[in-house]
């Protein structure tokens, strides 16, 4: 089975469509942070990177009278649910191993608990925690982190570098979680 790389995921039209909504800059920077955290904690780096890249693929836009209404969006947000589903379908289409696709999707589902009526604090696995923390590190008030820009070329360059780091770090005995 061919290894699905970050650049393969990023270049797919579905990823492009949804990352343009949620922010390419945010996705790439969160991925970089997740890789560093995963390496430092002995967590599966590849899973952390792929989960971080796709963590906001479920975002949608919420406008009120033609203006972005972040508060209204937050009130009705289910992007983690939508993202987990979209990511799973995308990863399977790209040829990702089913167990890996599921682990990434569950991580996306748990990268936030803002859509839940309870907290999942203390219930996340080390992988889930890495992606949650990487996302939190990139967050700006009012959702402004979704509006920082990065060119497609710059994103591809940075993701290719991460793919190389992942290949160097990969361990055949590293667990899925």
Protein backbone atom coordinates (compact mmCIF):
# COMPACT_ATOMS: atom_id res chain seq x y z
CA UNK A 1 0.00 0.00 0.00
CA UNK A 2 1.35 3.41 -1.00
CA UNK A 3 1.98 5.83 1.85
CA UNK A 4 -0.44 8.76 1.67
CA UNK A 5 1.60 11.92 2.25
CA UNK A 6 0.52 15.27 3.63
CA UNK A 7 1.03 16.85 0.21
CA UNK A 8 -1.25 14.21 -1.37
CA UNK A 9 -3.94 15.08 1.15
CA UNK A 10 -3.43 18.84 0.78
CA UNK A 11 -3.56 18.78 -3.03
CA UNK A 12 -6.85 16.88 -3.22
CA UNK A 13 -9.73 19.10 -4.47
CA UNK A 14 -11.87 18.30 -1.43
CA UNK A 15 -9.10 19.42 0.92
CA UNK A 16 -8.53 22.54 -1.14
CA UNK A 17 -12.23 23.43 -1.04
CA UNK A 18 -12.55 23.16 2.72
CA UNK A 19 -9.14 24.46 3.78
CA UNK A 20 -9.81 27.62 1.81
CA UNK A 21 -12.78 28.10 4.17
CA UNK A 22 -11.02 27.29 7.41
CA UNK A 23 -7.62 28.69 6.47
CA UNK A 24 -4.61 27.10 4.81
CA UNK A 25 -2.26 29.04 7.11
CA UNK A 26 -4.01 27.73 10.22
CA UNK A 27 -3.99 24.14 8.94
CA UNK A 28 -0.29 24.15 8.03
CA UNK A 29 0.86 25.92 11.20
CA UNK A 30 -1.24 23.61 13.38
CA UNK A 31 0.31 20.65 11.55
CA UNK A 32 3.82 21.96 12.21
CA UNK A 33 3.04 22.41 15.90
CA UNK A 34 1.47 18.95 16.12
CA UNK A 35 4.59 17.36 14.61
CA UNK A 36 6.82 19.07 17.20
CA UNK A 37 4.54 18.08 20.09
CA UNK A 38 4.21 14.49 18.85
CA UNK A 39 7.97 14.09 18.50
CA UNK A 40 8.54 15.48 21.99
CA UNK A 41 5.92 13.16 23.53
CA UNK A 42 6.58 9.98 21.59
CA UNK A 43 3.19 10.11 19.88
CA UNK A 44 2.69 8.80 16.34
CA UNK A 45 3.96 11.77 14.30
CA UNK A 46 2.26 10.82 11.04
CA UNK A 47 -1.16 10.49 12.65
CA UNK A 48 -0.71 13.77 14.51
CA UNK A 49 0.30 15.57 11.31
CA UNK A 50 -2.56 14.23 9.19
CA UNK A 51 -5.10 14.86 11.94
CA UNK A 52 -3.85 18.43 12.44
CA UNK A 53 -3.86 19.18 8.72
CA UNK A 54 -7.50 18.10 8.43
CA UNK A 55 -8.77 19.13 11.87
CA UNK A 56 -10.91 22.02 10.55
CA UNK A 57 -12.05 20.44 7.28
CA UNK A 58 -15.60 20.45 8.67
CA UNK A 59 -15.91 24.23 8.96
CA UNK A 60 -18.66 26.04 7.19
CA UNK A 61 -19.50 29.72 6.89
CA UNK A 62 -22.15 31.45 8.98
CA UNK A 63 -23.26 34.83 7.75
CA UNK A 64 -25.79 37.26 9.18
CA UNK A 65 -26.85 40.12 6.89
CA UNK A 66 -23.84 39.48 4.67
CA UNK A 67 -21.34 39.67 7.56
CA UNK A 68 -19.47 36.79 9.18
CA UNK A 69 -21.11 36.17 12.54
CA UNK A 70 -18.56 34.32 14.65
CA UNK A 71 -20.75 34.24 17.77
CA UNK A 72 -23.68 32.75 15.86
CA UNK A 73 -21.33 30.26 14.24
CA UNK A 74 -19.94 29.16 17.62
CA UNK A 75 -23.46 28.66 18.94
CA UNK A 76 -24.31 26.21 16.13
CA UNK A 77 -20.87 24.78 15.37
CA UNK A 78 -20.50 21.05 14.63
CA UNK A 79 -17.34 21.29 12.52
CA UNK A 80 -15.58 18.48 14.36
CA UNK A 81 -18.40 16.07 13.48
CA UNK A 82 -18.53 17.16 9.84
CA UNK A 83 -14.73 17.18 9.65
CA UNK A 84 -14.34 13.65 11.00
CA UNK A 85 -16.75 12.37 8.36
CA UNK A 86 -15.19 14.34 5.49
CA UNK A 87 -11.66 13.38 6.48
CA UNK A 88 -12.51 9.68 6.72
CA UNK A 89 -14.09 9.63 3.28
CA UNK A 90 -11.20 11.61 1.77
CA UNK A 91 -8.50 9.43 3.34
CA UNK A 92 -10.15 6.21 2.15
CA UNK A 93 -10.40 7.67 -1.38
CA UNK A 94 -6.69 8.48 -1.28
CA UNK A 95 -5.88 4.89 -0.31
CA UNK A 96 -5.14 5.39 3.37
CA UNK A 97 -5.19 2.31 5.58
CA UNK A 98 -8.67 1.97 7.16
CA UNK A 99 -7.39 1.75 10.72
CA UNK A 100 -5.29 4.87 10.19
CA UNK A 101 -8.22 6.72 8.57
CA UNK A 102 -10.40 5.90 11.56
CA UNK A 103 -7.75 7.01 14.08
CA UNK A 104 -7.35 10.33 12.25
CA UNK A 105 -11.13 10.84 12.04
CA UNK A 106 -11.62 10.19 15.75
CA UNK A 107 -8.80 12.62 16.53
CA UNK A 108 -10.52 15.27 14.42
CA UNK A 109 -13.79 14.54 16.22
CA UNK A 110 -12.09 15.16 19.59
CA UNK A 111 -9.82 18.10 18.69
CA UNK A 112 -12.44 20.32 20.33
CA UNK A 113 -15.42 19.79 22.58
CA UNK A 114 -17.04 23.14 21.85
CA UNK A 115 -19.97 21.38 20.15
CA UNK A 116 -20.64 19.09 23.11
CA UNK A 117 -22.72 19.84 26.23
CA UNK A 118 -19.83 18.47 28.33
CA UNK A 119 -16.04 18.58 28.40
CA UNK A 120 -13.79 15.73 27.23
CA UNK A 121 -10.92 17.11 29.30
CA UNK A 122 -8.96 14.20 30.72
CA UNK A 123 -10.53 11.71 28.29
CA UNK A 124 -8.33 12.37 25.26
CA UNK A 125 -5.54 9.99 24.25
CA UNK A 126 -2.02 11.41 23.85
CA UNK A 127 -2.65 11.72 20.08
CA UNK A 128 -5.91 13.61 20.64
CA UNK A 129 -4.20 15.85 23.16
CA UNK A 130 -1.37 16.74 20.74
CA UNK A 131 -3.81 17.91 18.05
CA UNK A 132 -6.01 19.72 20.59
CA UNK A 133 -3.00 21.60 21.99
CA UNK A 134 -1.53 22.39 18.57
CA UNK A 135 -4.88 23.90 17.53
CA UNK A 136 -5.17 25.90 20.76
CA UNK A 137 -1.64 27.29 20.25
CA UNK A 138 -2.67 28.69 16.86
CA UNK A 139 -6.05 30.12 17.93
CA UNK A 140 -6.73 33.86 17.86
CA UNK A 141 -9.71 35.68 19.40
CA UNK A 142 -12.85 35.87 17.27
CA UNK A 143 -11.68 33.12 14.93
CA UNK A 144 -9.10 35.42 13.32
CA UNK A 145 -6.64 32.53 12.93
CA UNK A 146 -8.87 31.30 10.09
CA UNK A 147 -8.17 34.48 8.12
CA UNK A 148 -4.37 34.47 8.14
CA UNK A 149 -3.12 33.72 4.65
CA UNK A 150 -0.51 31.48 3.07
CA UNK A 151 0.03 30.73 -0.60
CA UNK A 152 -0.57 27.24 -1.94
CA UNK A 153 3.11 27.07 -2.97
CA UNK A 154 4.30 27.96 0.54
CA UNK A 155 1.92 25.41 2.08
CA UNK A 156 3.11 22.67 -0.28
CA UNK A 157 6.75 23.49 0.47
CA UNK A 158 6.19 23.33 4.23
CA UNK A 159 4.14 20.14 4.02
CA UNK A 160 6.80 18.45 1.86
CA UNK A 161 9.33 19.30 4.56
CA UNK A 162 7.04 17.75 7.18
CA UNK A 163 6.60 14.64 5.02
CA UNK A 164 10.39 14.25 5.02
CA UNK A 165 10.55 14.67 8.80
CA UNK A 166 7.82 12.06 9.23
CA UNK A 167 9.65 9.54 7.04
CA UNK A 168 12.80 10.03 9.12
CA UNK A 169 10.88 9.65 12.41
CA UNK A 170 8.65 6.72 11.44
CA UNK A 171 8.93 3.64 13.62
CA UNK A 172 7.44 0.33 12.52
CA UNK A 173 6.26 -0.38 16.07
CA UNK A 174 4.64 2.97 16.80
CA UNK A 175 1.03 2.56 17.87
CA UNK A 176 -2.00 4.08 16.16
CA UNK A 177 -3.04 6.03 19.27
